[in-house]
Protein backbone atom coordinates (compact mmCIF):
# COMPACT_ATOMS: atom_id res chain seq x y z
CA UNK A 1 -25.48 -21.85 -10.27
CA UNK A 2 -22.10 -23.43 -10.91
CA UNK A 3 -18.99 -21.97 -9.26
CA UNK A 4 -15.44 -22.73 -10.36
CA UNK A 5 -12.13 -21.50 -8.98
CA UNK A 6 -9.82 -20.26 -11.74
CA UNK A 7 -6.85 -18.01 -12.42
CA UNK A 8 -7.69 -15.02 -14.62
CA UNK A 9 -5.01 -12.55 -15.58
CA UNK A 10 -2.87 -13.63 -12.64
CA UNK A 11 -5.70 -13.24 -10.14
CA UNK A 12 -7.60 -15.91 -8.22
CA UNK A 13 -11.24 -15.74 -9.29
CA UNK A 14 -14.57 -17.43 -8.93
CA UNK A 15 -16.41 -18.03 -12.20
CA UNK A 16 -20.18 -17.92 -11.71
CA UNK A 17 -22.36 -19.61 -14.33
CA UNK A 18 -26.12 -20.15 -14.40
CA UNK A 19 -26.47 -20.81 -18.12
CA UNK A 20 -26.25 -17.21 -19.31
CA UNK A 21 -23.32 -14.78 -19.06
CA UNK A 22 -20.41 -16.28 -17.14
CA UNK A 23 -18.59 -13.82 -14.87
CA UNK A 24 -15.15 -14.11 -13.25
CA UNK A 25 -14.79 -12.20 -9.96
CA UNK A 26 -11.53 -11.72 -8.05
CA UNK A 27 -11.00 -13.25 -4.63
CA UNK A 28 -7.39 -12.15 -4.02
CA UNK A 29 -7.90 -8.38 -4.33
CA UNK A 30 -10.76 -5.94 -3.84
CA UNK A 31 -13.57 -7.24 -6.00
CA UNK A 32 -13.36 -6.85 -9.77
CA UNK A 33 -15.37 -8.62 -12.42
CA UNK A 34 -12.52 -9.47 -14.80
CA UNK A 35 -14.46 -11.31 -17.48
CA UNK A 36 -17.94 -11.80 -18.92
CA UNK A 37 -18.57 -14.36 -21.67
CA UNK A 38 -21.22 -16.62 -23.11
CA UNK A 39 -20.71 -20.36 -23.53
CA UNK A 40 -19.83 -19.88 -27.21
CA UNK A 41 -17.04 -17.44 -26.36
CA UNK A 42 -18.96 -14.26 -27.17
CA UNK A 43 -17.52 -11.47 -25.04
CA UNK A 44 -14.04 -12.95 -24.68
CA UNK A 45 -11.67 -10.07 -24.04
CA UNK A 46 -14.47 -7.50 -23.88
CA UNK A 47 -13.53 -6.32 -20.39
CA UNK A 48 -10.17 -4.56 -20.32
CA UNK A 49 -7.18 -6.23 -18.61
CA UNK A 50 -4.79 -3.57 -17.32
CA UNK A 51 -2.49 -5.20 -14.76
CA UNK A 52 0.18 -2.48 -14.90
CA UNK A 53 -2.04 0.59 -14.89
CA UNK A 54 -1.94 2.69 -11.71
CA UNK A 55 -3.09 6.08 -10.49
CA UNK A 56 -0.12 7.71 -8.77
CA UNK A 57 -1.02 10.08 -5.94
CA UNK A 58 0.97 12.34 -3.60
CA UNK A 59 1.21 11.00 -0.04
CA UNK A 60 -0.84 7.91 -0.95
CA UNK A 61 0.01 4.46 -2.27
CA UNK A 62 -0.70 4.02 -6.00
CA UNK A 63 -4.16 2.79 -6.87
CA UNK A 64 -4.02 -0.28 -9.10
CA UNK A 65 -6.72 -0.11 -11.76
CA UNK A 66 -6.43 -3.84 -12.71
CA UNK A 67 -9.23 -3.53 -15.26
CA UNK A 68 -12.65 -5.09 -15.50
CA UNK A 69 -15.63 -3.86 -13.49
CA UNK A 70 -15.34 -2.20 -10.10
CA UNK A 71 -17.36 -0.32 -7.50
CA UNK A 72 -16.35 3.17 -6.42
CA UNK A 73 -18.11 5.76 -4.30
CA UNK A 74 -18.95 9.10 -5.89
CA UNK A 75 -18.27 11.99 -5.84
CA UNK A 76 -14.71 11.52 -7.11
CA UNK A 77 -12.37 12.76 -4.37
CA UNK A 78 -8.83 11.31 -4.69
CA UNK A 79 -8.20 11.11 -0.93
CA UNK A 80 -11.13 8.72 -0.50
CA UNK A 81 -11.98 7.46 -4.00
CA UNK A 82 -8.50 6.11 -4.75
CA UNK A 83 -7.90 4.19 -1.53
CA UNK A 84 -6.08 0.92 -2.34
CA UNK A 85 -8.21 -2.21 -2.48
CA UNK A 86 -5.47 -4.83 -2.73
CA UNK A 87 -6.64 -7.05 0.15
CA UNK A 88 -8.76 -10.17 -0.47
CA UNK A 89 -12.49 -9.47 -0.13
CA UNK A 90 -14.83 -11.29 2.22
CA UNK A 91 -16.67 -13.83 0.06
CA UNK A 92 -20.19 -14.90 1.05
CA UNK A 93 -21.89 -17.61 -0.97
CA UNK A 94 -25.64 -18.09 -1.31
CA UNK A 95 -27.58 -20.53 -3.53
CA UNK A 96 -28.19 -17.94 -6.25
CA UNK A 97 -25.52 -15.28 -5.70
CA UNK A 98 -22.06 -14.55 -4.33
CA UNK A 99 -21.13 -11.35 -2.46
CA UNK A 100 -17.60 -9.91 -2.48
CA UNK A 101 -17.02 -7.30 0.20
CA UNK A 102 -14.16 -5.06 1.37
CA UNK A 103 -13.99 -2.49 4.18
CA UNK A 104 -12.10 0.73 3.55
CA UNK A 105 -10.14 2.67 6.15
CA UNK A 106 -12.86 5.35 6.05
CA UNK A 107 -15.40 2.88 7.43
CA UNK A 108 -17.17 2.51 4.07
CA UNK A 109 -17.85 -1.09 3.10
CA UNK A 110 -18.10 -1.79 -0.64
CA UNK A 111 -19.84 -4.96 -1.80
CA UNK A 112 -20.42 -6.49 -5.22
CA UNK A 113 -23.23 -9.03 -5.10
CA UNK A 114 -23.29 -11.06 -8.32
CA UNK A 115 -26.28 -13.21 -9.29
CA UNK A 116 -26.06 -14.92 -12.72
CA UNK A 117 -29.19 -16.15 -14.46
CA UNK A 118 -30.10 -17.97 -17.67
CA UNK A 119 -30.18 -14.79 -19.78
CA UNK A 120 -28.45 -12.09 -17.74
CA UNK A 121 -26.47 -11.34 -14.62
CA UNK A 122 -27.53 -9.02 -11.81
CA UNK A 123 -24.76 -6.99 -10.18
CA UNK A 124 -25.69 -5.17 -6.98
CA UNK A 125 -23.36 -2.38 -5.89
CA UNK A 126 -23.71 -1.83 -2.15
CA UNK A 127 -22.19 0.93 -0.03
CA UNK A 128 -22.55 0.56 3.74
CA UNK A 129 -21.43 3.02 6.40
CA UNK A 130 -19.66 1.06 9.13
CA UNK A 131 -17.90 4.16 10.45
CA UNK A 132 -18.85 6.62 13.15
CA UNK A 133 -19.82 9.67 11.05
CA UNK A 134 -22.41 10.28 8.31
CA UNK A 135 -21.16 9.88 4.71
CA UNK A 136 -22.55 11.55 1.57
CA UNK A 137 -21.94 9.02 -1.22
CA UNK A 138 -23.40 7.40 -4.31
CA UNK A 139 -22.65 3.91 -5.71
CA UNK A 140 -20.60 4.22 -8.88
CA UNK A 141 -20.52 1.17 -11.17
CA UNK A 142 -17.57 1.39 -13.58
CA UNK A 143 -16.93 -1.08 -16.42
CA UNK A 144 -13.53 -0.84 -18.14
CA UNK A 145 -13.65 -2.20 -21.70
CA UNK A 146 -11.12 -3.02 -24.39
CA UNK A 147 -10.66 -0.45 -27.19
CA UNK A 148 -11.88 -1.18 -30.69
CA UNK A 149 -15.59 -0.61 -30.15
CA UNK A 150 -18.05 2.10 -29.23
CA UNK A 151 -20.17 2.99 -26.21
CA UNK A 152 -23.83 3.80 -26.68
CA UNK A 153 -25.39 6.42 -24.41
CA UNK A 154 -29.10 6.86 -25.17
CA UNK A 155 -30.67 10.29 -25.10
CA UNK A 156 -34.18 10.55 -23.66
CA UNK A 157 -36.31 11.55 -26.65
CA UNK A 158 -39.66 11.94 -24.89
CA UNK A 159 -41.37 14.93 -23.36
CA UNK A 160 -41.30 16.00 -19.73
CA UNK A 161 -44.46 18.12 -20.13
CA UNK A 162 -47.52 17.64 -22.36
CA UNK A 163 -46.58 20.37 -24.84
CA UNK A 164 -42.89 19.56 -25.07
CA UNK A 165 -41.87 23.06 -23.98
CA UNK A 166 -39.59 22.01 -21.13
CA UNK A 167 -36.03 20.71 -21.36
CA UNK A 168 -35.86 16.92 -21.41
CA UNK A 169 -32.19 16.21 -20.64
CA UNK A 170 -28.64 17.45 -20.45
CA UNK A 171 -25.15 16.69 -21.71
CA UNK A 172 -22.55 16.96 -18.93
CA UNK A 173 -18.90 17.70 -19.77
CA UNK A 174 -15.59 17.41 -17.94
CA UNK A 175 -12.83 20.09 -18.15
CA UNK A 176 -10.67 18.01 -20.49
CA UNK A 177 -13.49 17.19 -22.93
CA UNK A 178 -13.50 18.95 -26.29
CA UNK A 179 -16.36 19.00 -28.77
CA UNK A 180 -13.97 18.46 -31.68
CA UNK A 181 -12.68 15.18 -30.20
CA UNK A 182 -13.23 12.55 -32.90
CA UNK A 183 -14.20 9.99 -30.27
CA UNK A 184 -17.33 11.96 -29.31
CA UNK A 185 -20.14 11.37 -31.81
CA UNK A 186 -23.42 12.98 -30.69
CA UNK A 187 -26.52 11.60 -32.32
CA UNK A 188 -30.22 10.83 -31.97
CA UNK A 189 -31.27 8.75 -30.19
CA UNK A 190 -27.80 7.51 -29.20
CA UNK A 191 -24.60 9.42 -28.53
CA UNK A 192 -21.60 7.26 -29.36
CA UNK A 193 -18.20 7.42 -27.68
CA UNK A 194 -15.50 5.63 -29.62
CA UNK A 195 -12.72 3.60 -28.03
CA UNK A 196 -9.64 4.09 -30.22
CA UNK A 197 -6.51 2.26 -29.08
CA UNK A 198 -3.51 4.54 -28.72
CA UNK A 199 -5.50 7.75 -29.07
CA UNK A 200 -4.13 10.76 -27.22
CA UNK A 201 -5.89 12.69 -24.50
CA UNK A 202 -9.19 11.78 -22.93
CA UNK A 203 -12.84 12.59 -23.26
CA UNK A 204 -15.74 12.15 -20.86
CA UNK A 205 -19.44 12.92 -21.12
CA UNK A 206 -22.50 12.22 -19.02
CA UNK A 207 -26.24 12.09 -19.62
CA UNK A 208 -29.23 12.09 -17.34
CA UNK A 209 -29.91 8.41 -17.91
CA UNK A 210 -33.70 8.37 -18.11
CA UNK A 211 -33.82 5.48 -20.64
CA UNK A 212 -32.19 3.25 -18.00
CA UNK A 213 -29.49 1.55 -20.05
CA UNK A 214 -26.06 1.99 -21.63
CA UNK A 215 -24.12 -0.36 -23.87
CA UNK A 216 -20.78 -1.17 -25.50
CA UNK A 217 -20.40 -2.90 -28.88
CA UNK A 218 -17.09 -4.39 -29.94
CA UNK A 219 -16.84 -6.79 -32.88
CA UNK A 220 -19.77 -9.21 -32.54
CA UNK A 221 -20.40 -8.67 -28.83
CA UNK A 222 -22.80 -6.20 -27.23
CA UNK A 223 -22.83 -5.68 -23.47
CA UNK A 224 -25.92 -3.87 -22.21
CA UNK A 225 -26.11 -2.52 -18.68
CA UNK A 226 -29.65 -1.81 -17.46
CA UNK A 227 -30.32 0.25 -14.35
CA UNK A 228 -33.08 2.24 -12.68
CA UNK A 229 -33.37 5.99 -13.22
CA UNK A 230 -35.17 7.56 -10.26
CA UNK A 231 -37.27 10.70 -10.12
CA UNK A 232 -36.86 13.37 -7.45
CA UNK A 233 -33.36 12.37 -6.32
CA UNK A 234 -29.93 13.97 -6.76
CA UNK A 235 -27.25 12.23 -8.77
CA UNK A 236 -23.55 13.21 -8.77
CA UNK A 237 -21.96 15.25 -11.55
CA UNK A 238 -24.89 17.53 -12.41
CA UNK A 239 -27.34 14.61 -12.38
CA UNK A 240 -25.40 12.53 -14.93
CA UNK A 241 -26.41 9.03 -13.88
CA UNK A 242 -24.78 7.47 -16.95
CA UNK A 243 -21.25 8.45 -18.00
CA UNK A 244 -18.52 7.41 -20.40
CA UNK A 245 -14.76 8.01 -20.28
CA UNK A 246 -12.47 7.16 -23.20
CA UNK A 247 -8.67 7.27 -23.49
CA UNK A 248 -6.06 5.38 -25.47
CA UNK A 249 -5.89 2.36 -23.16
CA UNK A 250 -9.54 1.67 -22.37
CA UNK A 251 -13.07 3.01 -22.29
CA UNK A 252 -15.37 3.09 -19.26
CA UNK A 253 -19.15 2.80 -19.30
CA UNK A 254 -20.38 3.99 -15.92
CA UNK A 255 -23.71 4.22 -14.13
CA UNK A 256 -24.46 5.75 -10.75
CA UNK A 257 -27.03 5.55 -8.02
CA UNK A 258 -28.38 8.64 -6.25
CA UNK A 259 -26.40 10.59 -3.68
CA UNK A 260 -27.38 9.52 -0.17
CA UNK A 261 -26.34 10.65 3.29
CA UNK A 262 -25.66 7.37 5.08
CA UNK A 263 -25.71 7.47 8.85
CA UNK A 264 -23.64 4.83 10.64
CA UNK A 265 -25.29 1.47 10.03
CA UNK A 266 -27.09 2.54 6.84
CA UNK A 267 -26.47 1.33 3.28
CA UNK A 268 -27.51 2.02 -0.30
CA UNK A 269 -27.70 -0.31 -3.31
CA UNK A 270 -27.43 0.38 -7.04
CA UNK A 271 -28.39 -2.50 -9.34
CA UNK A 272 -27.18 -3.17 -12.86
CA UNK A 273 -28.57 -6.03 -14.94
CA UNK A 274 -26.12 -7.12 -17.63
CA UNK A 275 -27.15 -8.64 -20.92
CA UNK A 276 -24.48 -9.99 -23.28
CA UNK A 277 -25.50 -10.88 -26.84
CA UNK A 278 -23.90 -11.68 -30.18
CA UNK A 279 -24.73 -9.05 -32.80
CA UNK A 280 -23.89 -8.23 -36.40
CA UNK A 281 -20.96 -5.78 -36.19
CA UNK A 282 -22.26 -3.95 -39.26
CA UNK A 283 -25.89 -3.70 -38.16
CA UNK A 284 -27.20 -0.12 -37.76
CA UNK A 285 -27.78 0.98 -34.19
CA UNK A 286 -31.52 1.41 -34.76
CA UNK A 287 -31.80 -2.20 -35.92
CA UNK A 288 -29.97 -3.50 -32.85
CA UNK A 289 -32.10 -1.37 -30.52
CA UNK A 290 -35.28 -2.65 -32.18
CA UNK A 291 -34.07 -6.26 -32.02
CA UNK A 292 -33.34 -6.01 -28.29
CA UNK A 293 -36.28 -3.81 -27.33
CA UNK A 294 -34.06 -1.02 -26.05
CA UNK A 295 -36.06 2.19 -25.86
CA UNK A 296 -35.03 5.83 -25.50
CA UNK A 297 -38.31 7.35 -24.33
């Protein structure tokens, strides 16, 4: 693995490269993956850069979104979710990975452990309770992407019982989501969420996530995030382990680990494996899924 120190979007970063996707991770603020590209430039500008975007909160400092990929803890509670992460993370290097860690005032330590490989990059999202009280949390892996493309959320098409009589999934909605929003395009086997620059309002949906992947296609680049869907656990947001949020400035493709009660000293890890490939922008979704071996059942 090669490591280079660079400036990306005004932030000091380490670029990690093992022959596959190259990732740039911040070292001057709470960890963000600000870029993911291949050697030929595929993926350039795929992750959103939003240096001026903030979440303004009463009685709290603004939360700087920055852009790129971040780790939050679900469920979404502004008093704890939006705590500023503007301090440099602790950076720990290993031969095959680099960990970027920051401790919040609540005693929750958030760590991104990034391990690039020849054909993918593994991103571990680790929440550790270093406080004095139990915490009920789930790792929440959020990738902010540049408008102009579409997110793919696969629907599980298989059966959950031999006769196919039982429900096999759910579509989870947020209060501001409307079915007539042009950005929401339900379909089989993939629901698409469009990212339209300058569009008004916002839309968010979630699915159960049994297929174990979600993706975003923009121009000739496709970013696929693979993750494990686990049986007999509880996920946040009515068991929506894969979610997508779209507004006029960006789109987010999000995956979550299960809710866990962490006693002091305990931790939980949610792993995403990223694959970045060049694709034909006009190719039908089914053809791309077949080409990459992405299944929905």
